[in-house]
């Protein structure tokens, strides 16, 4: 197993419309959620090398989303937007 290190200098999240308490809790849970999402795609993380800017797009937030669910959804969207497609054509 190869260990990888990923440095994120800045992450901008626009959580407009999300309750402040929910947004704060989700952001606190985002690190572990990102680690899980990245480890699920470990064979493709080499595609992140040299990526300077990533726009992961938008997500819809369910009205009943909990903090963990929101953190997992954000992490999944970030990883999906950052990694090359499975076919390597991204």
N, C-alpha and C. Protein backbone atom coordinates (compact mmCIF):
# COMPACT_ATOMS: atom_id res chain seq x y z
N UNK A 1 0.85 -1.18 0.00
CA UNK A 1 0.00 0.00 0.00
C UNK A 1 0.89 1.24 0.00
N UNK A 2 0.62 2.15 -0.89
CA UNK A 2 1.39 3.38 -1.00
C UNK A 2 0.65 4.50 -0.28
N UNK A 3 1.38 5.23 0.54
CA UNK A 3 0.78 6.37 1.24
C UNK A 3 0.92 7.60 0.37
N UNK A 4 -0.12 8.39 0.31
CA UNK A 4 -0.12 9.63 -0.46
C UNK A 4 -0.41 10.78 0.48
N UNK A 5 0.10 11.92 0.13
CA UNK A 5 -0.16 13.13 0.91
C UNK A 5 -0.79 14.15 -0.04
N UNK A 6 -1.83 14.76 0.41
CA UNK A 6 -2.54 15.77 -0.38
C UNK A 6 -2.61 17.04 0.45
N UNK A 7 -2.07 18.12 -0.08
CA UNK A 7 -2.13 19.41 0.60
C UNK A 7 -3.19 20.27 -0.07
N UNK A 8 -4.13 20.70 0.70
CA UNK A 8 -5.17 21.61 0.20
C UNK A 8 -4.90 22.96 0.84
N UNK A 9 -4.49 23.91 0.02
CA UNK A 9 -4.15 25.23 0.55
C UNK A 9 -5.39 26.05 0.88
N UNK A 10 -6.41 25.91 0.07
CA UNK A 10 -7.62 26.69 0.29
C UNK A 10 -8.81 25.92 -0.27
N UNK A 11 -9.88 25.94 0.47
CA UNK A 11 -11.11 25.30 0.04
C UNK A 11 -12.24 26.28 0.29
N UNK A 12 -12.92 26.65 -0.78
CA UNK A 12 -14.03 27.59 -0.66
C UNK A 12 -15.33 26.82 -0.80
N UNK A 13 -16.16 26.94 0.21
CA UNK A 13 -17.47 26.31 0.20
C UNK A 13 -18.52 27.40 0.36
N UNK A 14 -19.50 27.38 -0.50
CA UNK A 14 -20.63 28.30 -0.38
C UNK A 14 -21.79 27.48 0.14
N UNK A 15 -22.09 27.62 1.40
CA UNK A 15 -23.15 26.84 2.02
C UNK A 15 -24.39 27.70 2.28
N UNK A 16 -24.61 28.61 1.36
CA UNK A 16 -25.77 29.49 1.45
C UNK A 16 -27.05 28.64 1.50
N UNK A 17 -27.92 28.98 2.40
CA UNK A 17 -29.18 28.26 2.52
C UNK A 17 -29.11 27.07 3.49
N UNK A 18 -27.93 26.76 3.97
CA UNK A 18 -27.75 25.68 4.94
C UNK A 18 -27.70 26.32 6.33
N UNK A 19 -28.40 25.72 7.27
CA UNK A 19 -28.40 26.26 8.63
C UNK A 19 -26.97 26.38 9.14
N UNK A 20 -26.61 27.48 9.79
CA UNK A 20 -25.24 27.69 10.25
C UNK A 20 -24.70 26.55 11.12
N UNK A 21 -25.50 26.00 12.01
CA UNK A 21 -25.06 24.92 12.87
C UNK A 21 -24.74 23.67 12.05
N UNK A 22 -25.58 23.38 11.07
CA UNK A 22 -25.36 22.23 10.20
C UNK A 22 -24.11 22.43 9.36
N UNK A 23 -23.94 23.62 8.81
CA UNK A 23 -22.76 23.91 7.99
C UNK A 23 -21.48 23.77 8.81
N UNK A 24 -21.47 24.31 10.01
CA UNK A 24 -20.29 24.23 10.87
C UNK A 24 -19.96 22.78 11.22
N UNK A 25 -20.96 22.01 11.57
CA UNK A 25 -20.73 20.60 11.91
C UNK A 25 -20.22 19.81 10.71
N UNK A 26 -20.80 20.07 9.55
CA UNK A 26 -20.39 19.36 8.33
C UNK A 26 -18.94 19.68 7.98
N UNK A 27 -18.55 20.94 8.11
CA UNK A 27 -17.18 21.33 7.80
C UNK A 27 -16.20 20.65 8.75
N UNK A 28 -16.58 20.50 10.01
CA UNK A 28 -15.72 19.80 10.97
C UNK A 28 -15.54 18.33 10.60
N UNK A 29 -16.54 17.75 9.96
CA UNK A 29 -16.49 16.34 9.57
C UNK A 29 -15.91 16.13 8.18
N UNK A 30 -15.60 17.21 7.49
CA UNK A 30 -15.16 17.11 6.10
C UNK A 30 -13.81 16.42 5.93
N UNK A 31 -12.86 16.65 6.82
CA UNK A 31 -11.54 16.02 6.70
C UNK A 31 -11.63 14.50 6.66
N UNK A 32 -12.26 13.88 7.66
CA UNK A 32 -12.41 12.42 7.63
C UNK A 32 -13.24 11.94 6.43
N UNK A 33 -14.24 12.72 6.03
CA UNK A 33 -15.06 12.33 4.87
C UNK A 33 -14.21 12.36 3.60
N UNK A 34 -13.35 13.36 3.46
CA UNK A 34 -12.45 13.41 2.30
C UNK A 34 -11.48 12.24 2.30
N UNK A 35 -10.96 11.90 3.47
CA UNK A 35 -10.03 10.77 3.57
C UNK A 35 -10.73 9.47 3.11
N UNK A 36 -11.96 9.27 3.54
CA UNK A 36 -12.71 8.07 3.11
C UNK A 36 -12.98 8.08 1.61
N UNK A 37 -13.39 9.24 1.09
CA UNK A 37 -13.70 9.34 -0.34
C UNK A 37 -12.45 9.12 -1.19
N UNK A 38 -11.33 9.68 -0.76
CA UNK A 38 -10.08 9.50 -1.52
C UNK A 38 -9.58 8.06 -1.43
N UNK A 39 -9.69 7.45 -0.26
CA UNK A 39 -9.21 6.07 -0.12
C UNK A 39 -10.07 5.10 -0.94
N UNK A 40 -11.31 5.46 -1.18
CA UNK A 40 -12.16 4.62 -2.02
C UNK A 40 -11.71 4.62 -3.47
N UNK A 41 -10.92 5.63 -3.84
CA UNK A 41 -10.43 5.77 -5.22
C UNK A 41 -8.90 5.84 -5.23
N UNK A 42 -8.26 5.16 -4.31
CA UNK A 42 -6.81 5.26 -4.13
C UNK A 42 -6.03 4.97 -5.41
N UNK A 43 -6.53 4.08 -6.24
CA UNK A 43 -5.79 3.72 -7.47
C UNK A 43 -5.77 4.86 -8.47
N UNK A 44 -6.61 5.89 -8.26
CA UNK A 44 -6.67 7.00 -9.22
C UNK A 44 -6.14 8.31 -8.66
N UNK A 45 -5.63 8.32 -7.43
CA UNK A 45 -5.22 9.58 -6.82
C UNK A 45 -3.98 10.19 -7.46
N UNK A 46 -3.21 9.42 -8.22
CA UNK A 46 -2.05 10.00 -8.92
C UNK A 46 -2.51 11.09 -9.88
N UNK A 47 -3.76 11.06 -10.31
CA UNK A 47 -4.30 12.08 -11.19
C UNK A 47 -4.43 13.44 -10.56
N UNK A 48 -4.25 13.51 -9.25
CA UNK A 48 -4.34 14.79 -8.55
C UNK A 48 -3.04 15.57 -8.61
N UNK A 49 -1.94 14.92 -8.94
CA UNK A 49 -0.63 15.57 -8.95
C UNK A 49 -0.64 16.73 -9.94
N UNK A 50 -0.23 17.89 -9.45
CA UNK A 50 -0.12 19.06 -10.32
C UNK A 50 -1.41 19.79 -10.59
N UNK A 51 -2.52 19.34 -10.04
CA UNK A 51 -3.79 20.05 -10.25
C UNK A 51 -3.79 21.30 -9.40
N UNK A 52 -3.84 22.45 -10.02
CA UNK A 52 -3.76 23.71 -9.29
C UNK A 52 -5.13 24.18 -8.81
N UNK A 53 -6.14 23.98 -9.62
CA UNK A 53 -7.47 24.49 -9.28
C UNK A 53 -8.52 23.49 -9.73
N UNK A 54 -9.44 23.23 -8.87
CA UNK A 54 -10.50 22.27 -9.17
C UNK A 54 -11.84 22.92 -8.84
N UNK A 55 -12.75 22.89 -9.79
CA UNK A 55 -14.12 23.35 -9.53
C UNK A 55 -14.98 22.10 -9.48
N UNK A 56 -15.46 21.78 -8.30
CA UNK A 56 -16.24 20.56 -8.11
C UNK A 56 -17.72 20.77 -8.40
N UNK A 57 -18.11 21.96 -8.77
CA UNK A 57 -19.49 22.19 -9.15
C UNK A 57 -20.42 22.39 -7.96
N UNK A 58 -21.68 22.11 -8.20
CA UNK A 58 -22.72 22.33 -7.20
C UNK A 58 -23.35 21.02 -6.78
N UNK A 59 -23.89 21.02 -5.58
CA UNK A 59 -24.67 19.88 -5.12
C UNK A 59 -25.97 20.40 -4.53
N UNK A 60 -26.98 19.57 -4.58
CA UNK A 60 -28.24 19.87 -3.92
C UNK A 60 -28.17 19.29 -2.52
N UNK A 61 -28.64 20.05 -1.56
CA UNK A 61 -28.63 19.60 -0.17
C UNK A 61 -30.06 19.28 0.23
N UNK A 62 -30.28 18.04 0.63
CA UNK A 62 -31.60 17.63 1.09
C UNK A 62 -31.95 18.38 2.37
N UNK A 63 -33.21 18.69 2.52
CA UNK A 63 -33.66 19.43 3.70
C UNK A 63 -33.38 18.67 4.99
N UNK A 64 -33.38 17.35 4.92
CA UNK A 64 -33.17 16.55 6.12
C UNK A 64 -31.74 16.01 6.24
N UNK A 65 -30.82 16.60 5.48
CA UNK A 65 -29.43 16.13 5.53
C UNK A 65 -28.83 16.43 6.89
N UNK A 66 -28.18 15.43 7.47
CA UNK A 66 -27.44 15.64 8.71
C UNK A 66 -26.04 16.10 8.38
N UNK A 67 -25.29 16.45 9.41
CA UNK A 67 -23.93 16.95 9.21
C UNK A 67 -23.04 15.91 8.52
N UNK A 68 -23.11 14.65 8.96
CA UNK A 68 -22.28 13.61 8.35
C UNK A 68 -22.67 13.38 6.90
N UNK A 69 -23.95 13.35 6.62
CA UNK A 69 -24.41 13.17 5.25
C UNK A 69 -23.97 14.31 4.35
N UNK A 70 -24.03 15.53 4.86
CA UNK A 70 -23.61 16.69 4.08
C UNK A 70 -22.10 16.65 3.85
N UNK A 71 -21.33 16.32 4.88
CA UNK A 71 -19.87 16.22 4.73
C UNK A 71 -19.51 15.14 3.72
N UNK A 72 -20.17 13.99 3.79
CA UNK A 72 -19.91 12.91 2.83
C UNK A 72 -20.25 13.33 1.41
N UNK A 73 -21.35 14.05 1.25
CA UNK A 73 -21.79 14.50 -0.09
C UNK A 73 -20.79 15.50 -0.67
N UNK A 74 -20.33 16.43 0.16
CA UNK A 74 -19.33 17.41 -0.29
C UNK A 74 -18.04 16.70 -0.68
N UNK A 75 -17.58 15.79 0.17
CA UNK A 75 -16.34 15.05 -0.10
C UNK A 75 -16.45 14.26 -1.40
N UNK A 76 -17.57 13.59 -1.59
CA UNK A 76 -17.77 12.81 -2.82
C UNK A 76 -17.71 13.72 -4.04
N UNK A 77 -18.36 14.86 -3.95
CA UNK A 77 -18.37 15.80 -5.07
C UNK A 77 -16.98 16.34 -5.36
N UNK A 78 -16.22 16.66 -4.31
CA UNK A 78 -14.85 17.15 -4.50
C UNK A 78 -13.98 16.10 -5.17
N UNK A 79 -14.07 14.87 -4.70
CA UNK A 79 -13.25 13.79 -5.27
C UNK A 79 -13.68 13.51 -6.70
N UNK A 80 -14.96 13.47 -6.95
CA UNK A 80 -15.45 13.22 -8.31
C UNK A 80 -15.00 14.32 -9.27
N UNK A 81 -14.96 15.56 -8.80
CA UNK A 81 -14.52 16.67 -9.64
C UNK A 81 -13.02 16.75 -9.83
N UNK A 82 -12.28 16.13 -8.91
CA UNK A 82 -10.82 16.24 -8.95
C UNK A 82 -10.14 15.10 -9.67
N UNK A 83 -10.69 13.90 -9.54
CA UNK A 83 -10.00 12.74 -10.11
C UNK A 83 -10.29 12.59 -11.59
N UNK A 84 -9.31 12.08 -12.32
CA UNK A 84 -9.56 11.81 -13.74
C UNK A 84 -10.61 10.72 -13.87
N UNK A 85 -11.30 10.71 -14.97
CA UNK A 85 -12.30 9.68 -15.22
C UNK A 85 -11.64 8.31 -15.19
N UNK A 86 -12.41 7.29 -14.88
CA UNK A 86 -11.87 5.93 -14.76
C UNK A 86 -11.21 5.48 -16.06
N UNK A 87 -11.65 6.00 -17.17
CA UNK A 87 -11.08 5.62 -18.46
C UNK A 87 -9.81 6.39 -18.76
N UNK A 88 -9.51 7.39 -17.93
CA UNK A 88 -8.29 8.16 -18.12
C UNK A 88 -8.42 9.27 -19.14
N UNK A 89 -9.63 9.59 -19.56
CA UNK A 89 -9.79 10.60 -20.60
C UNK A 89 -10.19 11.97 -20.05
N UNK A 90 -9.94 12.22 -18.81
CA UNK A 90 -10.29 13.52 -18.26
C UNK A 90 -9.15 14.47 -18.30
